[in-house]
Amino acid sequence: METAHGGALSLSVNGRRHQVTIDNRTSLVDLLRERLALPGTKKGCDQGACGACTVLVNGRRVNACLTLAVRCQDAEVTTIEGLASDDGELHALQQTFVEQDAFQCGYCTPGQIMSGVACIREGHTGSREEIREWMSGNLCRCGCYVKIVNAIARTARAGRS
């Protein structure tokens, strides 16, 4: 049902089709967290400055806090919850984050991993400097940048994304 302020939205999140009625002003992060019960995508600054809300939309990284959900009509959205396999095996970058101890408080970790997956898939891992540049939109207040870059570089070198 369409209204002046909302309507129906159909999108796929982590391989599962969802049909919801939303207010046109609903951000993607709010849809994921509040309506679809996917709390892995963090709501940080709500201004696109911290990257905690990074998800993939049709394979491209976006800040979910700045993306209106209505812009995702018929899109494929991947969140941190969608990276692990159905049998629970972690995605290669998730596993490498654990092995490299690339997190402390963990708040930024989902956004860092989602952006890191995109960084690897986009081929922006030629050097540590290149990784840092392409990850610059994701902040870590604990200062785990060296370990985050290590995890991304190691996963890229292993050819796993």
Protein backbone atom coordinates (compact mmCIF):
# COMPACT_ATOMS: atom_id res chain seq x y z
CA MET A 1 0.00 0.00 0.00
CA GLU A 2 1.40 3.37 -1.04
CA THR A 3 0.90 6.50 1.05
CA ALA A 4 2.31 10.00 0.81
CA HIS A 5 5.09 9.00 3.21
CA GLY A 6 5.66 5.33 2.58
CA GLY A 7 5.10 2.20 0.64
CA ALA A 8 6.08 -1.36 -0.09
CA LEU A 9 9.71 -2.39 -0.40
CA SER A 10 11.03 -5.68 -1.69
CA LEU A 11 14.69 -6.53 -1.24
CA SER A 12 16.92 -9.48 -0.54
CA VAL A 13 19.01 -9.41 2.63
CA ASN A 14 21.63 -12.10 3.08
CA GLY A 15 19.93 -14.21 0.42
CA ARG A 16 16.47 -13.98 1.96
CA ARG A 17 13.69 -12.02 0.24
CA HIS A 18 11.86 -9.46 2.40
CA GLN A 19 8.72 -7.50 1.61
CA VAL A 20 8.02 -4.70 4.06
CA THR A 21 6.02 -1.52 4.21
CA ILE A 22 8.19 1.38 5.29
CA ASP A 23 8.20 5.12 5.70
CA ASN A 24 10.12 6.68 2.79
CA ARG A 25 12.44 8.39 5.29
CA THR A 26 13.65 5.11 6.82
CA SER A 27 17.38 4.59 6.56
CA LEU A 28 18.77 1.21 5.56
CA VAL A 29 20.49 0.85 8.95
CA ASP A 30 17.18 1.38 10.75
CA LEU A 31 15.41 -1.10 8.48
CA LEU A 32 18.08 -3.74 9.09
CA ARG A 33 18.30 -3.26 12.85
CA GLU A 34 14.74 -2.42 13.82
CA ARG A 35 12.55 -4.15 11.27
CA LEU A 36 14.62 -7.12 10.12
CA ALA A 37 16.27 -7.88 13.49
CA LEU A 38 19.84 -7.78 12.12
CA PRO A 39 21.76 -5.92 14.84
CA GLY A 40 25.23 -6.68 13.45
CA THR A 41 25.16 -3.51 11.38
CA LYS A 42 26.06 -0.86 13.92
CA LYS A 43 24.58 2.59 14.18
CA GLY A 44 27.48 4.88 15.02
CA CYS A 45 27.55 8.52 14.01
CA ASP A 46 24.40 8.49 11.83
CA GLN A 47 26.26 10.92 9.54
CA GLY A 48 28.34 8.63 7.31
CA ALA A 49 31.59 9.56 9.02
CA CYS A 50 32.50 6.43 10.99
CA GLY A 51 31.71 3.44 8.73
CA ALA A 52 30.23 1.31 11.53
CA CYS A 53 27.11 0.82 9.41
CA THR A 54 28.92 -0.40 6.25
CA VAL A 55 27.02 -3.06 4.30
CA LEU A 56 27.15 -4.28 0.71
CA VAL A 57 24.35 -3.33 -1.67
CA ASN A 58 24.59 -5.22 -4.93
CA GLY A 59 28.20 -5.94 -4.03
CA ARG A 60 29.18 -2.32 -3.38
CA ARG A 61 29.92 -0.95 0.06
CA VAL A 62 27.61 1.75 1.34
CA ASN A 63 27.02 3.58 4.59
CA ALA A 64 23.62 2.24 5.61
CA CYS A 65 22.95 5.30 7.76
CA LEU A 66 23.04 7.53 4.67
CA THR A 67 21.17 5.16 2.38
CA LEU A 68 17.40 5.43 2.25
CA ALA A 69 15.88 1.97 2.35
CA VAL A 70 13.58 2.84 -0.58
CA ARG A 71 16.72 3.13 -2.75
CA CYS A 72 17.25 -0.60 -2.21
CA GLN A 73 14.16 -1.77 -4.08
CA ASP A 74 15.00 -5.18 -5.60
CA ALA A 75 18.59 -4.92 -4.33
CA GLU A 76 20.74 -7.62 -2.76
CA VAL A 77 21.99 -6.45 0.62
CA THR A 78 24.70 -8.30 2.51
CA THR A 79 25.30 -7.63 6.19
CA ILE A 80 27.85 -9.08 8.59
CA GLU A 81 25.29 -11.77 9.48
CA GLY A 82 25.29 -12.90 5.84
CA LEU A 83 29.02 -13.51 5.46
CA ALA A 84 29.33 -16.78 7.36
CA SER A 85 28.21 -19.93 5.56
CA ASP A 86 24.93 -21.63 6.44
CA ASP A 87 26.83 -24.22 8.48
CA GLY A 88 28.37 -21.46 10.61
CA GLU A 89 31.84 -21.42 9.07
CA LEU A 90 33.19 -17.89 9.24
CA HIS A 91 33.97 -15.91 6.10
CA ALA A 92 37.72 -15.86 5.39
CA LEU A 93 38.10 -12.25 6.52
CA GLN A 94 36.08 -12.86 9.69
CA GLN A 95 38.37 -15.77 10.52
CA THR A 96 41.48 -13.72 9.81
CA PHE A 97 40.21 -10.90 12.04
CA VAL A 98 40.01 -13.45 14.85
CA GLU A 99 43.45 -14.90 14.07
CA GLN A 100 45.06 -11.44 13.85
CA ASP A 101 43.23 -10.12 16.94
CA ALA A 102 42.04 -7.22 14.75
CA PHE A 103 39.50 -5.84 17.20
CA GLN A 104 39.21 -4.69 20.78
CA CYS A 105 35.79 -3.39 21.74
CA GLY A 106 34.32 -4.86 18.54
CA TYR A 107 31.90 -2.02 17.80
CA CYS A 108 33.47 -1.09 14.47
CA THR A 109 34.31 -4.68 13.54
CA PRO A 110 31.23 -5.49 11.42
CA GLY A 111 31.70 -2.33 9.33
CA GLN A 112 35.45 -2.90 9.09
CA ILE A 113 34.92 -6.47 7.87
CA MET A 114 32.24 -5.50 5.34
CA SER A 115 34.44 -2.72 3.99
CA GLY A 116 37.45 -5.06 4.00
CA VAL A 117 35.55 -7.66 1.98
CA ALA A 118 34.72 -4.97 -0.58
CA CYS A 119 38.32 -3.70 -0.54
CA ILE A 120 39.58 -7.19 -1.40
CA ARG A 121 36.93 -7.80 -4.08
CA GLU A 122 37.63 -4.38 -5.63
CA GLY A 123 41.34 -5.22 -5.84
CA HIS A 124 42.52 -2.40 -3.57
CA THR A 125 45.06 -4.48 -1.67
CA GLY A 126 48.26 -3.88 -3.62
CA SER A 127 50.00 -2.34 -0.63
CA ARG A 128 49.40 -1.50 3.01
CA GLU A 129 49.06 2.15 1.99
CA GLU A 130 46.40 1.29 -0.59
CA ILE A 131 44.45 -0.75 1.96
CA ARG A 132 44.62 2.11 4.46
CA GLU A 133 43.40 4.56 1.82
CA TRP A 134 40.44 2.41 0.77
CA MET A 135 39.56 1.65 4.41
CA SER A 136 39.83 5.28 5.50
CA GLY A 137 36.05 5.67 5.81
CA ASN A 138 35.97 3.16 8.67
CA LEU A 139 37.06 4.46 12.05
CA CYS A 140 38.32 2.39 14.98
CA ARG A 141 38.34 4.33 18.21
CA CYS A 142 40.46 1.61 19.86
CA GLY A 143 43.24 2.06 17.32
CA CYS A 144 43.44 -1.45 15.85
CA TYR A 145 44.33 -0.15 12.40
CA VAL A 146 47.60 -2.08 12.07
CA LYS A 147 45.90 -5.38 12.87
CA ILE A 148 42.93 -4.56 10.62
CA VAL A 149 45.27 -3.85 7.69
CA ASN A 150 47.20 -7.04 8.51
CA ALA A 151 43.99 -9.10 8.40
CA ILE A 152 42.88 -7.63 5.08
CA ALA A 153 46.34 -8.01 3.51
CA ARG A 154 46.66 -11.62 4.72
CA THR A 155 43.20 -12.57 3.46
CA ALA A 156 43.90 -10.92 0.08
CA ARG A 157 47.28 -12.67 -0.26
CA ALA A 158 45.60 -16.00 0.45
CA GLY A 159 43.18 -15.30 -2.42
CA ARG A 160 40.15 -15.54 -0.16
CA SER A 161 37.34 -13.02 -0.32
